[in-house]
Amino acid sequence: MKFLSVDRIEKNHIICEDENGEVHDIPVKNLDKDIKEGSVVSLNNKGEVKIDQQKTNIRKNIILKLRRKIYGADKNPKIDF
């Protein structure tokens, strides 16, 4: 099973990147409806894509902490994924 980060969602595909920087173009028919840009997804051997909510939340919190560090603790920047 591979874990990928969703870079963007196009009309018929999602474009994802793995931990090695390799780009994957995945047909939308395999898309979980909750997947958004920035989500972390798993790709199994059958080509099925599902959101990994736990990994997505971890990533979201890391980004939020970095933004607060850069812009100040009193700011609460919104993250949409």
N, C-alpha and C. Protein backbone atom coordinates (compact mmCIF):
# COMPACT_ATOMS: atom_id res chain seq x y z
N MET A 1 0.85 -1.17 0.00
CA MET A 1 0.00 0.00 0.00
C MET A 1 0.89 1.24 0.00
N LYS A 2 0.55 2.19 -0.85
CA LYS A 2 1.28 3.44 -0.95
C LYS A 2 0.46 4.57 -0.34
N PHE A 3 1.16 5.53 0.26
CA PHE A 3 0.50 6.73 0.75
C PHE A 3 0.92 7.90 -0.13
N LEU A 4 -0.06 8.68 -0.55
CA LEU A 4 0.17 9.78 -1.49
C LEU A 4 -0.46 11.05 -0.96
N SER A 5 0.10 12.18 -1.37
CA SER A 5 -0.46 13.48 -1.04
C SER A 5 -1.15 14.03 -2.29
N VAL A 6 -2.40 14.46 -2.15
CA VAL A 6 -3.15 14.98 -3.30
C VAL A 6 -2.66 16.40 -3.60
N ASP A 7 -2.12 16.57 -4.79
CA ASP A 7 -1.64 17.87 -5.24
C ASP A 7 -2.79 18.69 -5.81
N ARG A 8 -3.54 18.06 -6.70
CA ARG A 8 -4.68 18.76 -7.30
C ARG A 8 -5.69 17.74 -7.83
N ILE A 9 -6.90 18.24 -8.03
CA ILE A 9 -7.96 17.42 -8.58
C ILE A 9 -8.34 18.01 -9.92
N GLU A 10 -8.24 17.21 -10.96
CA GLU A 10 -8.59 17.64 -12.30
C GLU A 10 -9.91 16.99 -12.69
N LYS A 11 -10.40 17.32 -13.86
CA LYS A 11 -11.72 16.86 -14.30
C LYS A 11 -11.89 15.35 -14.19
N ASN A 12 -10.96 14.59 -14.71
CA ASN A 12 -11.10 13.13 -14.72
C ASN A 12 -10.05 12.40 -13.89
N HIS A 13 -9.19 13.14 -13.18
CA HIS A 13 -8.08 12.52 -12.45
C HIS A 13 -7.73 13.33 -11.20
N ILE A 14 -7.05 12.64 -10.27
CA ILE A 14 -6.38 13.36 -9.20
C ILE A 14 -4.88 13.19 -9.42
N ILE A 15 -4.15 14.24 -9.17
CA ILE A 15 -2.70 14.21 -9.32
C ILE A 15 -2.12 14.18 -7.92
N CYS A 16 -1.34 13.13 -7.63
CA CYS A 16 -0.78 12.91 -6.30
C CYS A 16 0.73 12.78 -6.38
N GLU A 17 1.36 12.97 -5.22
CA GLU A 17 2.81 12.82 -5.12
C GLU A 17 3.12 11.88 -3.96
N ASP A 18 4.09 10.99 -4.17
CA ASP A 18 4.49 10.10 -3.09
C ASP A 18 5.68 10.68 -2.33
N GLU A 19 6.17 9.96 -1.33
CA GLU A 19 7.25 10.47 -0.48
C GLU A 19 8.56 10.64 -1.22
N ASN A 20 8.69 10.03 -2.40
CA ASN A 20 9.90 10.16 -3.21
C ASN A 20 9.77 11.25 -4.28
N GLY A 21 8.64 11.94 -4.30
CA GLY A 21 8.43 12.99 -5.28
C GLY A 21 7.87 12.49 -6.60
N GLU A 22 7.59 11.21 -6.68
CA GLU A 22 7.03 10.63 -7.90
C GLU A 22 5.56 11.05 -8.02
N VAL A 23 5.17 11.47 -9.22
CA VAL A 23 3.80 11.93 -9.46
C VAL A 23 2.95 10.78 -9.98
N HIS A 24 1.72 10.69 -9.47
CA HIS A 24 0.78 9.65 -9.86
C HIS A 24 -0.50 10.31 -10.37
N ASP A 25 -0.97 9.87 -11.51
CA ASP A 25 -2.20 10.37 -12.12
C ASP A 25 -3.25 9.26 -11.97
N ILE A 26 -4.28 9.52 -11.15
CA ILE A 26 -5.24 8.47 -10.80
C ILE A 26 -6.63 8.84 -11.31
N PRO A 27 -7.30 7.93 -12.02
CA PRO A 27 -8.65 8.20 -12.52
C PRO A 27 -9.64 8.52 -11.41
N VAL A 28 -10.57 9.42 -11.68
CA VAL A 28 -11.56 9.86 -10.69
C VAL A 28 -12.48 8.73 -10.28
N LYS A 29 -12.72 7.77 -11.12
CA LYS A 29 -13.63 6.68 -10.76
C LYS A 29 -13.18 5.95 -9.49
N ASN A 30 -11.92 6.10 -9.13
CA ASN A 30 -11.39 5.49 -7.92
C ASN A 30 -11.36 6.46 -6.74
N LEU A 31 -12.01 7.61 -6.87
CA LEU A 31 -11.88 8.69 -5.90
C LEU A 31 -12.91 8.63 -4.79
N ASP A 32 -12.44 8.70 -3.56
CA ASP A 32 -13.29 8.83 -2.38
C ASP A 32 -13.84 10.25 -2.37
N LYS A 33 -15.12 10.43 -2.11
CA LYS A 33 -15.76 11.75 -2.20
C LYS A 33 -15.22 12.77 -1.20
N ASP A 34 -14.57 12.32 -0.11
CA ASP A 34 -14.05 13.22 0.91
C ASP A 34 -12.64 13.74 0.60
N ILE A 35 -12.03 13.27 -0.48
CA ILE A 35 -10.67 13.66 -0.81
C ILE A 35 -10.65 15.08 -1.38
N LYS A 36 -9.71 15.88 -0.85
CA LYS A 36 -9.51 17.25 -1.30
C LYS A 36 -8.03 17.47 -1.56
N GLU A 37 -7.68 18.59 -2.16
CA GLU A 37 -6.28 18.94 -2.33
C GLU A 37 -5.63 19.01 -0.95
N GLY A 38 -4.47 18.37 -0.81
CA GLY A 38 -3.77 18.33 0.47
C GLY A 38 -4.05 17.09 1.28
N SER A 39 -5.07 16.34 0.93
CA SER A 39 -5.38 15.10 1.66
C SER A 39 -4.28 14.07 1.47
N VAL A 40 -4.14 13.20 2.46
CA VAL A 40 -3.26 12.04 2.33
C VAL A 40 -4.15 10.85 2.02
N VAL A 41 -3.81 10.14 0.97
CA VAL A 41 -4.61 8.99 0.54
C VAL A 41 -3.75 7.74 0.48
N SER A 42 -4.42 6.60 0.55
CA SER A 42 -3.74 5.32 0.37
C SER A 42 -4.16 4.75 -0.98
N LEU A 43 -3.21 4.12 -1.64
CA LEU A 43 -3.44 3.48 -2.94
C LEU A 43 -3.08 2.01 -2.78
N ASN A 44 -4.09 1.12 -2.93
CA ASN A 44 -3.80 -0.30 -2.76
C ASN A 44 -3.44 -0.95 -4.10
N ASN A 45 -3.16 -2.24 -4.08
CA ASN A 45 -2.72 -2.96 -5.29
C ASN A 45 -3.80 -3.04 -6.35
N LYS A 46 -5.07 -2.85 -5.97
CA LYS A 46 -6.17 -2.89 -6.93
C LYS A 46 -6.40 -1.52 -7.57
N GLY A 47 -5.64 -0.51 -7.15
CA GLY A 47 -5.80 0.84 -7.69
C GLY A 47 -6.87 1.64 -6.98
N GLU A 48 -7.37 1.13 -5.85
CA GLU A 48 -8.39 1.85 -5.09
C GLU A 48 -7.73 2.92 -4.22
N VAL A 49 -8.34 4.09 -4.21
CA VAL A 49 -7.82 5.22 -3.46
C VAL A 49 -8.80 5.56 -2.34
N LYS A 50 -8.27 5.68 -1.12
CA LYS A 50 -9.11 6.05 0.03
C LYS A 50 -8.36 7.08 0.85
N ILE A 51 -9.12 8.00 1.44
CA ILE A 51 -8.50 9.01 2.29
C ILE A 51 -8.03 8.36 3.58
N ASP A 52 -6.86 8.78 4.05
CA ASP A 52 -6.35 8.36 5.35
C ASP A 52 -6.52 9.58 6.25
N GLN A 53 -7.64 9.62 6.96
CA GLN A 53 -7.99 10.80 7.75
C GLN A 53 -6.97 11.07 8.86
N GLN A 54 -6.44 10.02 9.45
CA GLN A 54 -5.45 10.22 10.53
C GLN A 54 -4.19 10.89 10.00
N LYS A 55 -3.65 10.40 8.89
CA LYS A 55 -2.44 11.00 8.31
C LYS A 55 -2.74 12.42 7.79
N THR A 56 -3.93 12.63 7.25
CA THR A 56 -4.32 13.96 6.78
C THR A 56 -4.36 14.93 7.96
N ASN A 57 -4.93 14.52 9.09
CA ASN A 57 -5.01 15.38 10.26
C ASN A 57 -3.62 15.70 10.83
N ILE A 58 -2.74 14.71 10.85
CA ILE A 58 -1.37 14.93 11.31
C ILE A 58 -0.69 15.97 10.42
N ARG A 59 -0.82 15.81 9.12
CA ARG A 59 -0.21 16.75 8.17
C ARG A 59 -0.79 18.15 8.35
N LYS A 60 -2.09 18.23 8.52
CA LYS A 60 -2.77 19.51 8.71
C LYS A 60 -2.25 20.21 9.96
N ASN A 61 -2.08 19.47 11.06
CA ASN A 61 -1.59 20.06 12.31
C ASN A 61 -0.15 20.53 12.19
N ILE A 62 0.69 19.79 11.48
CA ILE A 62 2.07 20.20 11.26
C ILE A 62 2.11 21.51 10.49
N ILE A 63 1.31 21.61 9.45
CA ILE A 63 1.27 22.83 8.64
C ILE A 63 0.74 24.00 9.47
N LEU A 64 -0.29 23.76 10.26
CA LEU A 64 -0.85 24.81 11.10
C LEU A 64 0.18 25.34 12.10
N LYS A 65 0.95 24.44 12.72
CA LYS A 65 2.00 24.85 13.66
C LYS A 65 3.07 25.67 12.95
N LEU A 66 3.45 25.27 11.75
CA LEU A 66 4.45 26.03 10.99
C LEU A 66 3.93 27.42 10.62
N ARG A 67 2.67 27.50 10.22
CA ARG A 67 2.09 28.80 9.89
C ARG A 67 2.03 29.71 11.11
N ARG A 68 1.67 29.14 12.25
CA ARG A 68 1.63 29.94 13.49
C ARG A 68 3.01 30.43 13.86
N LYS A 69 4.01 29.59 13.65
CA LYS A 69 5.39 29.96 13.95
C LYS A 69 5.83 31.11 13.04
N ILE A 70 5.45 31.06 11.79
CA ILE A 70 5.83 32.09 10.83
C ILE A 70 5.04 33.37 11.05
N TYR A 71 3.74 33.27 11.21
CA TYR A 71 2.87 34.45 11.26
C TYR A 71 2.51 34.90 12.67
N GLY A 72 2.85 34.13 13.67
CA GLY A 72 2.55 34.49 15.05
C GLY A 72 1.49 33.60 15.65
N ALA A 73 1.62 33.38 16.94
CA ALA A 73 0.71 32.47 17.65
C ALA A 73 -0.70 33.02 17.74
N ASP A 74 -0.87 34.35 17.63
CA ASP A 74 -2.20 34.94 17.74
C ASP A 74 -3.01 34.79 16.47
N LYS A 75 -2.36 34.38 15.40
CA LYS A 75 -3.06 34.15 14.13
C LYS A 75 -3.58 32.72 14.10
N ASN A 76 -4.71 32.52 13.49
CA ASN A 76 -5.27 31.19 13.36
C ASN A 76 -5.60 30.95 11.90
N PRO A 77 -4.57 30.71 11.08
CA PRO A 77 -4.81 30.52 9.65
C PRO A 77 -5.67 29.29 9.38
N LYS A 78 -6.54 29.42 8.41
CA LYS A 78 -7.44 28.32 8.06
C LYS A 78 -6.75 27.41 7.05
N ILE A 79 -6.91 26.11 7.25
CA ILE A 79 -6.40 25.12 6.31
C ILE A 79 -7.60 24.35 5.80
N ASP A 80 -7.78 24.29 4.49
CA ASP A 80 -8.99 23.75 3.88
C ASP A 80 -8.96 22.28 3.52
N PHE A 81 -8.00 21.51 3.97
CA PHE A 81 -8.04 20.10 3.61
C PHE A 81 -8.23 19.24 4.80
